[in-house]
C-alpha atoms as a PDB file:
ATOM      1  CA  MET A   1     -20.684 -28.763  -3.361  1.00  0.00           C
ATOM      2  CA  GLU A   2     -22.089 -25.437  -4.887  1.00  0.00           C
ATOM      3  CA  LEU A   3     -20.651 -21.833  -4.546  1.00  0.00           C
ATOM      4  CA  GLN A   4     -23.859 -20.805  -3.109  1.00  0.00           C
ATOM      5  CA  GLN A   5     -23.598 -23.411  -0.181  1.00  0.00           C
ATOM      6  CA  LEU A   6     -20.088 -21.962   0.395  1.00  0.00           C
ATOM      7  CA  LYS A   7     -21.484 -18.470   0.555  1.00  0.00           C
ATOM      8  CA  TYR A   8     -24.187 -19.427   3.114  1.00  0.00           C
ATOM      9  CA  PHE A   9     -21.568 -21.376   5.067  1.00  0.00           C
ATOM     10  CA  VAL A  10     -19.294 -18.276   5.260  1.00  0.00           C
ATOM     11  CA  GLU A  11     -22.040 -16.038   6.305  1.00  0.00           C
ATOM     12  CA  VAL A  12     -23.303 -18.264   9.052  1.00  0.00           C
ATOM     13  CA  ALA A  13     -19.733 -18.652  10.276  1.00  0.00           C
ATOM     14  CA  SER A  14     -19.436 -14.877  10.491  1.00  0.00           C
ATOM     15  CA  GLN A  15     -22.620 -14.291  12.210  1.00  0.00           C
ATOM     16  CA  LEU A  16     -22.709 -17.407  14.265  1.00  0.00           C
ATOM     17  CA  HIS A  17     -26.449 -17.196  14.119  1.00  0.00           C
ATOM     18  CA  PHE A  18     -28.645 -18.528  11.414  1.00  0.00           C
ATOM     19  CA  GLY A  19     -31.401 -15.885  11.720  1.00  0.00           C
ATOM     20  CA  ARG A  20     -29.052 -13.115  11.249  1.00  0.00           C
ATOM     21  CA  ALA A  21     -27.102 -14.853   8.351  1.00  0.00           C
ATOM     22  CA  ALA A  22     -30.465 -15.577   6.761  1.00  0.00           C
ATOM     23  CA  GLU A  23     -31.387 -11.805   6.914  1.00  0.00           C
ATOM     24  CA  ARG A  24     -28.073 -10.722   5.399  1.00  0.00           C
ATOM     25  CA  LEU A  25     -28.468 -13.402   2.426  1.00  0.00           C
ATOM     26  CA  HIS A  26     -31.813 -12.175   1.738  1.00  0.00           C
ATOM     27  CA  ALA A  27     -33.017 -15.765   2.396  1.00  0.00           C
ATOM     28  CA  SER A  28     -35.261 -17.652   4.665  1.00  0.00           C
ATOM     29  CA  GLN A  29     -33.695 -19.163   7.871  1.00  0.00           C
ATOM     30  CA  GLN A  30     -35.083 -22.596   6.663  1.00  0.00           C
ATOM     31  CA  THR A  31     -33.336 -22.311   3.200  1.00  0.00           C
ATOM     32  CA  VAL A  32     -30.082 -21.335   5.129  1.00  0.00           C
ATOM     33  CA  SER A  33     -30.316 -24.260   7.287  1.00  0.00           C
ATOM     34  CA  HIS A  34     -31.099 -26.679   4.293  1.00  0.00           C
ATOM     35  CA  GLN A  35     -27.987 -25.447   2.443  1.00  0.00           C
ATOM     36  CA  ILE A  36     -25.778 -26.040   5.479  1.00  0.00           C
ATOM     37  CA  GLY A  37     -27.127 -29.478   6.062  1.00  0.00           C
ATOM     38  CA  GLN A  38     -26.593 -30.294   2.461  1.00  0.00           C
ATOM     39  CA  LEU A  39     -22.928 -28.868   2.477  1.00  0.00           C
ATOM     40  CA  GLU A  40     -22.365 -31.118   5.730  1.00  0.00           C
ATOM     41  CA  ASN A  41     -23.648 -34.220   4.155  1.00  0.00           C
ATOM     42  CA  GLU A  42     -21.843 -33.981   1.055  1.00  0.00           C
ATOM     43  CA  LEU A  43     -18.604 -33.221   3.078  1.00  0.00           C
ATOM     44  CA  ASP A  44     -19.697 -35.887   5.562  1.00  0.00           C
ATOM     45  CA  LEU A  45     -18.350 -33.318   8.167  1.00  0.00           C
ATOM     46  CA  LYS A  46     -19.885 -31.507  11.118  1.00  0.00           C
ATOM     47  CA  LEU A  47     -19.250 -27.818  10.506  1.00  0.00           C
ATOM     48  CA  PHE A  48     -21.339 -26.184  13.289  1.00  0.00           C
ATOM     49  CA  LYS A  49     -22.298 -27.155  16.909  1.00  0.00           C
ATOM     50  CA  ARG A  50     -25.811 -26.057  17.106  1.00  0.00           C
ATOM     51  CA  THR A  51     -27.615 -25.479  20.544  1.00  0.00           C
ATOM     52  CA  THR A  52     -30.758 -23.779  21.404  1.00  0.00           C
ATOM     53  CA  ARG A  53     -28.607 -20.875  22.550  1.00  0.00           C
ATOM     54  CA  LYS A  54     -25.809 -20.489  20.387  1.00  0.00           C
ATOM     55  CA  VAL A  55     -24.064 -21.635  17.289  1.00  0.00           C
ATOM     56  CA  GLU A  56     -20.225 -22.425  17.198  1.00  0.00           C
ATOM     57  CA  LEU A  57     -17.943 -23.675  14.625  1.00  0.00           C
ATOM     58  CA  THR A  58     -16.338 -27.167  14.819  1.00  0.00           C
ATOM     59  CA  MET A  59     -12.641 -27.563  14.319  1.00  0.00           C
ATOM     60  CA  ALA A  60     -13.390 -28.900  10.847  1.00  0.00           C
ATOM     61  CA  GLY A  61     -15.725 -25.781  10.221  1.00  0.00           C
ATOM     62  CA  GLU A  62     -12.687 -23.571  11.291  1.00  0.00           C
ATOM     63  CA  ALA A  63     -10.464 -25.327   8.866  1.00  0.00           C
ATOM     64  CA  LEU A  64     -12.806 -24.996   6.017  1.00  0.00           C
ATOM     65  CA  LEU A  65     -13.708 -21.366   6.711  1.00  0.00           C
ATOM     66  CA  ALA A  66      -9.931 -20.167   6.502  1.00  0.00           C
ATOM     67  CA  GLU A  67      -9.498 -21.898   3.041  1.00  0.00           C
ATOM     68  CA  VAL A  68     -13.136 -20.884   1.630  1.00  0.00           C
ATOM     69  CA  GLN A  69     -12.346 -17.341   2.487  1.00  0.00           C
ATOM     70  CA  LEU A  70      -8.992 -17.470   0.882  1.00  0.00           C
ATOM     71  CA  ALA A  71     -10.757 -19.164  -2.187  1.00  0.00           C
ATOM     72  CA  PHE A  72     -13.334 -16.320  -2.212  1.00  0.00           C
ATOM     73  CA  LYS A  73     -10.468 -13.732  -2.215  1.00  0.00           C
ATOM     74  CA  HIS A  74      -8.797 -15.584  -5.137  1.00  0.00           C
ATOM     75  CA  LEU A  75     -12.232 -15.528  -6.967  1.00  0.00           C
ATOM     76  CA  GLN A  76     -12.852 -11.925  -6.390  1.00  0.00           C
ATOM     77  CA  ARG A  77      -9.301 -11.180  -7.751  1.00  0.00           C
ATOM     78  CA  GLY A  78      -9.856 -13.244 -10.916  1.00  0.00           C
ATOM     79  CA  ILE A  79     -13.159 -11.297 -11.492  1.00  0.00           C
ATOM     80  CA  ASP A  80     -11.355  -7.867 -10.902  1.00  0.00           C
ATOM     81  CA  GLU A  81      -8.403  -9.078 -13.158  1.00  0.00           C
ATOM     82  CA  ALA A  82     -10.820 -10.189 -15.918  1.00  0.00           C
ATOM     83  CA  LYS A  83     -12.588  -6.782 -15.816  1.00  0.00           C
ATOM     84  CA  ARG A  84      -9.181  -5.076 -16.047  1.00  0.00           C
ATOM     85  CA  ALA A  85      -8.290  -7.070 -19.045  1.00  0.00           C
ATOM     86  CA  GLU A  86     -11.758  -6.453 -20.651  1.00  0.00           C
ATOM     87  CA  THR A  87     -11.042  -2.689 -20.314  1.00  0.00           C
ATOM     88  CA  GLY A  88      -7.732  -2.922 -21.442  1.00  0.00           C
ATOM     89  CA  ARG A  89      -5.872  -2.502 -18.328  1.00  0.00           C
ATOM     90  CA  ARG A  90      -3.880  -5.692 -18.365  1.00  0.00           C
ATOM     91  CA  GLY A  91      -3.253  -8.315 -20.983  1.00  0.00           C
ATOM     92  CA  ARG A  92      -0.749  -8.148 -23.950  1.00  0.00           C
ATOM     93  CA  LEU A  93      -0.266  -5.781 -26.983  1.00  0.00           C
ATOM     94  CA  THR A  94       2.035  -6.923 -29.666  1.00  0.00           C
ATOM     95  CA  ILE A  95       3.527  -4.226 -31.929  1.00  0.00           C
ATOM     96  CA  GLY A  96       5.392  -4.664 -35.309  1.00  0.00           C
ATOM     97  CA  TYR A  97       7.649  -1.967 -36.709  1.00  0.00           C
ATOM     98  CA  PHE A  98      10.824  -1.707 -38.819  1.00  0.00           C
ATOM     99  CA  GLY A  99      13.862   0.045 -37.751  1.00  0.00           C
ATOM    100  CA  ILE A 100      13.329   3.671 -38.927  1.00  0.00           C
ATOM    101  CA  MET A 101      10.285   3.799 -36.733  1.00  0.00           C
ATOM    102  CA  LEU A 102      12.651   3.985 -33.759  1.00  0.00           C
ATOM    103  CA  TYR A 103      13.584   7.392 -35.089  1.00  0.00           C
ATOM    104  CA  THR A 104       9.980   8.650 -34.859  1.00  0.00           C
ATOM    105  CA  VAL A 105       7.169   8.972 -32.039  1.00  0.00           C
ATOM    106  CA  LEU A 106       7.205   5.283 -31.549  1.00  0.00           C
ATOM    107  CA  PRO A 107       9.578   5.287 -28.357  1.00  0.00           C
ATOM    108  CA  SER A 108       7.600   8.285 -26.987  1.00  0.00           C
ATOM    109  CA  ALA A 109       4.195   6.525 -27.582  1.00  0.00           C
ATOM    110  CA  ILE A 110       5.438   3.292 -25.922  1.00  0.00           C
ATOM    111  CA  ARG A 111       6.784   5.047 -22.985  1.00  0.00           C
ATOM    112  CA  LEU A 112       3.358   6.923 -22.439  1.00  0.00           C
ATOM    113  CA  TYR A 113       1.365   3.855 -22.821  1.00  0.00           C
ATOM    114  CA  ARG A 114       3.361   1.935 -20.256  1.00  0.00           C
ATOM    115  CA  GLU A 115       2.881   4.720 -17.957  1.00  0.00           C
ATOM    116  CA  LEU A 116      -0.946   4.756 -18.405  1.00  0.00           C
ATOM    117  CA  TYR A 117      -1.327   0.895 -18.586  1.00  0.00           C
ATOM    118  CA  PRO A 118       1.556  -0.439 -16.557  1.00  0.00           C
ATOM    119  CA  ASP A 119       0.078  -4.002 -16.269  1.00  0.00           C
ATOM    120  CA  VAL A 120      -0.088  -4.498 -20.161  1.00  0.00           C
ATOM    121  CA  GLU A 121       2.780  -6.452 -21.384  1.00  0.00           C
ATOM    122  CA  ILE A 122       4.126  -4.978 -24.588  1.00  0.00           C
ATOM    123  CA  VAL A 123       5.754  -7.190 -27.186  1.00  0.00           C
ATOM    124  CA  MET A 124       7.806  -5.332 -29.721  1.00  0.00           C
ATOM    125  CA  GLN A 125       8.673  -7.454 -33.033  1.00  0.00           C
ATOM    126  CA  GLU A 126      11.045  -5.929 -35.546  1.00  0.00           C
ATOM    127  CA  MET A 127      10.483  -6.972 -39.159  1.00  0.00           C
ATOM    128  CA  GLU A 128      11.061  -5.493 -42.724  1.00  0.00           C
ATOM    129  CA  SER A 129       8.544  -2.913 -43.772  1.00  0.00           C
ATOM    130  CA  ASP A 130       6.819  -5.011 -46.332  1.00  0.00           C
ATOM    131  CA  GLN A 131       6.060  -7.636 -43.566  1.00  0.00           C
ATOM    132  CA  VAL A 132       3.856  -5.517 -41.333  1.00  0.00           C
ATOM    133  CA  GLU A 133       0.690  -5.618 -43.074  1.00  0.00           C
ATOM    134  CA  GLN A 134       1.304  -9.518 -43.806  1.00  0.00           C
ATOM    135  CA  LYS A 135       1.787  -9.945 -40.103  1.00  0.00           C
ATOM    136  CA  LEU A 136      -1.444  -8.082 -39.130  1.00  0.00           C
ATOM    137  CA  LEU A 137      -3.321 -10.064 -41.562  1.00  0.00           C
ATOM    138  CA  GLN A 138      -2.054 -13.361 -40.011  1.00  0.00           C
ATOM    139  CA  GLY A 139      -2.865 -12.212 -36.424  1.00  0.00           C
ATOM    140  CA  GLU A 140       0.780 -12.186 -35.270  1.00  0.00           C
ATOM    141  CA  ILE A 141       0.561  -8.551 -34.242  1.00  0.00           C
ATOM    142  CA  ASP A 142      -1.983  -6.160 -33.030  1.00  0.00           C
ATOM    143  CA  ILE A 143      -0.405  -2.748 -34.151  1.00  0.00           C
ATOM    144  CA  GLY A 144       1.831  -2.154 -37.135  1.00  0.00           C
ATOM    145  CA  PHE A 145       4.114   0.885 -37.708  1.00  0.00           C
ATOM    146  CA  SER A 146       4.151   1.140 -41.623  1.00  0.00           C
ATOM    147  CA  VAL A 147       4.609   3.535 -44.410  1.00  0.00           C
ATOM    148  CA  ASP A 148       1.116   4.448 -46.049  1.00  0.00           C
ATOM    149  CA  LEU A 149       1.810   4.301 -49.777  1.00  0.00           C
ATOM    150  CA  ASN A 150      -1.915   4.827 -50.531  1.00  0.00           C
ATOM    151  CA  ASP A 151      -2.136   1.193 -51.247  1.00  0.00           C
ATOM    152  CA  LYS A 152      -5.867   0.408 -51.112  1.00  0.00           C
ATOM    153  CA  HIS A 153      -5.637  -3.393 -51.166  1.00  0.00           C
ATOM    154  CA  SER A 154      -5.989  -3.511 -47.359  1.00  0.00           C
ATOM    155  CA  GLU A 155      -8.389  -0.508 -46.885  1.00  0.00           C
ATOM    156  CA  HIS A 156     -11.445  -2.914 -46.217  1.00  0.00           C
ATOM    157  CA  SER A 157      -9.688  -4.771 -43.658  1.00  0.00           C
ATOM    158  CA  MET A 158      -7.530  -2.307 -41.750  1.00  0.00           C
ATOM    159  CA  ASN A 159      -7.569   1.035 -40.119  1.00  0.00           C
ATOM    160  CA  TRP A 160      -4.887   3.454 -40.816  1.00  0.00           C
ATOM    161  CA  LEU A 161      -3.847   6.451 -38.484  1.00  0.00           C
ATOM    162  CA  PRO A 162      -1.273   8.693 -39.902  1.00  0.00           C
ATOM    163  CA  PHE A 163       1.115  10.243 -37.299  1.00  0.00           C
ATOM    164  CA  SER A 164       4.044  11.813 -39.469  1.00  0.00           C
ATOM    165  CA  THR A 165       4.801  13.073 -42.786  1.00  0.00           C
ATOM    166  CA  GLU A 166       8.727  12.655 -43.276  1.00  0.00           C
ATOM    167  CA  PRO A 167      10.322  14.572 -46.206  1.00  0.00           C
ATOM    168  CA  LEU A 168      13.009  12.782 -48.416  1.00  0.00           C
ATOM    169  CA  VAL A 169      16.587  14.303 -47.802  1.00  0.00           C
ATOM    170  CA  VAL A 170      19.786  13.560 -49.224  1.00  0.00           C
ATOM    171  CA  ALA A 171      22.561  12.001 -46.891  1.00  0.00           C
ATOM    172  CA  LEU A 172      25.981  13.202 -48.059  1.00  0.00           C
ATOM    173  CA  PRO A 173      29.562  12.445 -46.710  1.00  0.00           C
ATOM    174  CA  LYS A 174      30.603  15.488 -44.716  1.00  0.00           C
ATOM    175  CA  LYS A 175      33.233  16.636 -47.091  1.00  0.00           C
ATOM    176  CA  HIS A 176      31.187  16.091 -50.404  1.00  0.00           C
ATOM    177  CA  LEU A 177      31.434  18.833 -53.012  1.00  0.00           C
ATOM    178  CA  LEU A 178      27.413  19.325 -52.525  1.00  0.00           C
ATOM    179  CA  SER A 179      27.589  19.388 -48.640  1.00  0.00           C
ATOM    180  CA  ASP A 180      27.420  23.217 -48.505  1.00  0.00           C
ATOM    181  CA  LYS A 181      24.107  23.402 -50.544  1.00  0.00           C
ATOM    182  CA  GLN A 182      20.909  24.680 -48.995  1.00  0.00           C
ATOM    183  CA  HIS A 183      18.921  22.138 -50.901  1.00  0.00           C
ATOM    184  CA  ILE A 184      19.566  19.783 -53.679  1.00  0.00           C
ATOM    185  CA  THR A 185      17.713  18.643 -56.780  1.00  0.00           C
ATOM    186  CA  LEU A 186      17.678  15.204 -58.676  1.00  0.00           C
ATOM    187  CA  ALA A 187      19.721  16.597 -61.303  1.00  0.00           C
ATOM    188  CA  ASP A 188      22.529  17.501 -58.958  1.00  0.00           C
ATOM    189  CA  LEU A 189      22.850  13.813 -58.252  1.00  0.00           C
ATOM    190  CA  LYS A 190      22.678  11.950 -61.557  1.00  0.00           C
ATOM    191  CA  ASN A 191      26.459  11.297 -61.742  1.00  0.00           C
ATOM    192  CA  GLU A 192      26.746  10.210 -57.958  1.00  0.00           C
ATOM    193  CA  SER A 193      27.142   6.765 -56.736  1.00  0.00           C
ATOM    194  CA  PHE A 194      24.168   5.681 -54.345  1.00  0.00           C
ATOM    195  CA  VAL A 195      23.855   3.706 -51.212  1.00  0.00           C
ATOM    196  CA  ILE A 196      20.216   2.160 -51.059  1.00  0.00           C
ATOM    197  CA  LEU A 197      18.099  -0.078 -49.234  1.00  0.00           C
ATOM    198  CA  ASN A 198      18.182  -3.851 -50.360  1.00  0.00           C
ATOM    199  CA  ARG A 199      15.030  -4.298 -52.381  1.00  0.00           C
ATOM    200  CA  ASN A 200      14.297  -7.589 -50.768  1.00  0.00           C
ATOM    201  CA  ASP A 201      13.918  -5.794 -47.450  1.00  0.00           C
ATOM    202  CA  SER A 202      11.813  -2.726 -48.517  1.00  0.00           C
ATOM    203  CA  PRO A 203      10.756  -3.274 -52.207  1.00  0.00           C
ATOM    204  CA  ALA A 204       8.149  -0.373 -52.056  1.00  0.00           C
ATOM    205  CA  LEU A 205      10.772   2.124 -50.723  1.00  0.00           C
ATOM    206  CA  PHE A 206      13.191   0.952 -53.219  1.00  0.00           C
ATOM    207  CA  ASP A 207      11.091   1.101 -56.194  1.00  0.00           C
ATOM    208  CA  SER A 208       9.779   4.655 -55.269  1.00  0.00           C
ATOM    209  CA  PHE A 209      13.477   5.813 -55.157  1.00  0.00           C
ATOM    210  CA  ILE A 210      14.397   4.157 -58.412  1.00  0.00           C
ATOM    211  CA  LEU A 211      11.291   5.720 -60.147  1.00  0.00           C
ATOM    212  CA  LEU A 212      12.250   9.334 -58.756  1.00  0.00           C
ATOM    213  CA  CYS A 213      15.459   9.166 -60.417  1.00  0.00           C
ATOM    214  CA  ARG A 214      14.183   7.768 -63.752  1.00  0.00           C
ATOM    215  CA  GLN A 215      11.554  10.578 -63.775  1.00  0.00           C
ATOM    216  CA  ALA A 216      14.480  13.024 -63.370  1.00  0.00           C
ATOM    217  CA  GLY A 217      16.286  11.421 -66.444  1.00  0.00           C
ATOM    218  CA  PHE A 218      18.783   9.099 -65.066  1.00  0.00           C
ATOM    219  CA  THR A 219      19.073   5.621 -63.517  1.00  0.00           C
ATOM    220  CA  PRO A 220      21.057   5.755 -60.240  1.00  0.00           C
ATOM    221  CA  HIS A 221      24.483   4.061 -60.090  1.00  0.00           C
ATOM    222  CA  ILE A 222      23.888   1.909 -56.981  1.00  0.00           C
ATOM    223  CA  VAL A 223      27.384   0.805 -55.397  1.00  0.00           C
ATOM    224  CA  GLN A 224      26.026  -0.672 -52.196  1.00  0.00           C
ATOM    225  CA  GLN A 225      22.708  -2.062 -50.869  1.00  0.00           C
ATOM    226  CA  ALA A 226      21.975  -2.350 -47.184  1.00  0.00           C
ATOM    227  CA  ALA A 227      19.488  -4.076 -45.026  1.00  0.00           C
ATOM    228  CA  SER A 228      18.467  -1.230 -42.725  1.00  0.00           C
ATOM    229  CA  ASP A 229      18.189   2.727 -42.899  1.00  0.00           C
ATOM    230  CA  GLN A 230      20.703   2.790 -40.235  1.00  0.00           C
ATOM    231  CA  ALA A 231      23.280   0.782 -42.266  1.00  0.00           C
ATOM    232  CA  VAL A 232      22.774   2.980 -45.230  1.00  0.00           C
ATOM    233  CA  VAL A 233      23.515   6.151 -43.299  1.00  0.00           C
ATOM    234  CA  GLY A 234      26.501   4.437 -41.840  1.00  0.00           C
ATOM    235  CA  LEU A 235      27.865   3.535 -45.231  1.00  0.00           C
ATOM    236  CA  VAL A 236      27.345   7.095 -46.400  1.00  0.00           C
ATOM    237  CA  ALA A 237      29.630   8.192 -43.317  1.00  0.00           C
ATOM    238  CA  THR A 238      32.284   6.094 -44.852  1.00  0.00           C
ATOM    239  CA  GLY A 239      32.197   8.214 -48.074  1.00  0.00           C
ATOM    240  CA  ILE A 240      31.114   5.354 -50.406  1.00  0.00           C
ATOM    241  CA  GLY A 241      28.332   7.066 -51.678  1.00  0.00           C
ATOM    242  CA  VAL A 242      25.020   9.259 -51.123  1.00  0.00           C
ATOM    243  CA  ALA A 243      21.747   8.116 -50.279  1.00  0.00           C
ATOM    244  CA  PHE A 244      18.036   9.159 -49.755  1.00  0.00           C
ATOM    245  CA  VAL A 245      16.739   8.971 -46.443  1.00  0.00           C
ATOM    246  CA  LEU A 246      13.715  10.296 -44.511  1.00  0.00           C
ATOM    247  CA  GLY A 247      14.126  13.480 -42.605  1.00  0.00           C
ATOM    248  CA  CYS A 248      13.867  11.536 -39.242  1.00  0.00           C
ATOM    249  CA  MET A 249      16.949   9.880 -39.721  1.00  0.00           C
ATOM    250  CA  SER A 250      19.076  13.141 -39.918  1.00  0.00           C
ATOM    251  CA  LYS A 251      20.254  13.007 -36.151  1.00  0.00           C
ATOM    252  CA  MET A 252      22.425   9.984 -37.043  1.00  0.00           C
ATOM    253  CA  PHE A 253      26.200  10.327 -37.624  1.00  0.00           C
ATOM    254  CA  GLU A 254      25.875  14.018 -37.609  1.00  0.00           C
ATOM    255  CA  ASN A 255      29.704  14.431 -37.377  1.00  0.00           C
ATOM    256  CA  ASP A 256      30.127  12.483 -40.675  1.00  0.00           C
ATOM    257  CA  VAL A 257      27.192  13.001 -42.707  1.00  0.00           C
ATOM    258  CA  THR A 258      25.305  16.062 -44.008  1.00  0.00           C
ATOM    259  CA  PHE A 259      21.627  16.035 -44.508  1.00  0.00           C
ATOM    260  CA  ILE A 260      20.084  18.296 -47.203  1.00  0.00           C
ATOM    261  CA  PRO A 261      16.440  18.666 -48.273  1.00  0.00           C
ATOM    262  CA  LEU A 262      15.569  17.233 -51.556  1.00  0.00           C
ATOM    263  CA  THR A 263      13.859  19.625 -53.990  1.00  0.00           C
ATOM    264  CA  GLU A 264      12.687  19.446 -57.586  1.00  0.00           C
ATOM    265  CA  PRO A 265      10.938  17.073 -56.988  1.00  0.00           C
ATOM    266  CA  SER A 266      10.062  17.297 -53.226  1.00  0.00           C
ATOM    267  CA  PHE A 267       9.023  13.960 -51.876  1.00  0.00           C
ATOM    268  CA  GLU A 268       7.351  12.886 -48.625  1.00  0.00           C
ATOM    269  CA  LEU A 269       6.250   9.582 -47.080  1.00  0.00           C
ATOM    270  CA  THR A 270       3.473   9.352 -44.577  1.00  0.00           C
ATOM    271  CA  LEU A 271       4.127   7.252 -41.614  1.00  0.00           C
ATOM    272  CA  ALA A 272       1.038   5.444 -40.015  1.00  0.00           C
ATOM    273  CA  ILE A 273      -0.026   2.958 -37.511  1.00  0.00           C
ATOM    274  CA  CYS A 274      -2.374   0.343 -38.852  1.00  0.00           C
ATOM    275  CA  TRP A 275      -4.549  -2.434 -37.106  1.00  0.00           C
ATOM    276  CA  LEU A 276      -7.271  -4.857 -38.175  1.00  0.00           C
ATOM    277  CA  ARG A 277     -10.676  -3.512 -38.120  1.00  0.00           C
ATOM    278  CA  SER A 278     -11.631  -6.892 -36.820  1.00  0.00           C
ATOM    279  CA  ASN A 279      -9.450  -6.436 -33.670  1.00  0.00           C
ATOM    280  CA  GLN A 280     -11.837  -4.969 -31.045  1.00  0.00           C
ATOM    281  CA  SER A 281      -9.465  -5.180 -27.887  1.00  0.00           C
ATOM    282  CA  SER A 282      -9.521  -2.485 -25.565  1.00  0.00           C
ATOM    283  CA  GLN A 283      -5.542  -2.545 -25.486  1.00  0.00           C
ATOM    284  CA  VAL A 284      -5.615  -1.723 -29.355  1.00  0.00           C
ATOM    285  CA  ASP A 285      -8.198   1.117 -28.770  1.00  0.00           C
ATOM    286  CA  HIS A 286      -6.009   2.586 -25.888  1.00  0.00           C
ATOM    287  CA  PHE A 287      -2.847   2.597 -27.909  1.00  0.00           C
ATOM    288  CA  VAL A 288      -4.571   4.300 -30.770  1.00  0.00           C
ATOM    289  CA  ASP A 289      -5.687   6.939 -28.505  1.00  0.00           C
ATOM    290  CA  VAL A 290      -2.076   7.243 -27.336  1.00  0.00           C
ATOM    291  CA  MET A 291      -0.880   7.696 -30.800  1.00  0.00           C
ATOM    292  CA  ARG A 292      -3.633  10.331 -31.585  1.00  0.00           C
ATOM    293  CA  SER A 293      -1.981  12.563 -28.979  1.00  0.00           C
ATOM    294  CA  PHE A 294       1.214  12.555 -31.097  1.00  0.00           C
ATOM    295  CA  ASN A 295      -0.580  12.926 -34.375  1.00  0.00           C
ATOM    296  CA  GLU A 296       1.233  15.550 -36.571  1.00  0.00           C
ATOM    297  CA  VAL A 297      -0.573  14.927 -39.896  1.00  0.00           C
END
């Protein structure tokens, strides 16, 4: 049984006339009759009652017609869905991020993407900052939200789209002696106790902060390490110490923590999305387009 035979069968059943069916199928009447005959032989069923005056469906033909029409509807739906997947209007998009990204444009970008492409399943995976590129290279995620540290080891395999530049600010307990200052220098902090991200979780950021302090002439006294930026700010709120955080975190614990810009030196981190150049999916292209609309850099 071939698809063409079923198409001929449906058309003849619709027209109940071999000549008209042949015209609509752009085939000869002889070809149509031959195809129907082959179908009946293969099924060992009589599908039509033929006389010189009219053509009628048999009971077997009526039963087959209902199922074939349903099958054609499913087939067309499958074709339509395949086209939607090809053009990025359905399918799956896996996004990797680390916690601080939830305080950037990430939530708004996801919300807009879902409005534009409601049939695409979005899978969010939280991970440590240094795992994002690794997960991309392993094919476990499609889009990564990361910190662009100008590390060129991945430039040949990945695309990068910066979307925000975040200044480094100092988080202080609300009643800290420095909390009334308009800005803070690193020299102001040399005798402070620090809360900092665990190096195992964010080695690049940890090393950057340590290097800043050493360039200012001191090694920071670290009293507590934490696994997330949110935990760092929460610990500052308890009064245990001060911390370096990105400006996007300055809405957290506002009643208990003061955030003051760091100057001398000023320091900024560029936040970006990244994706494999080999990933040509339309879902990725569409998400990149959404992120361009939020681009602040």
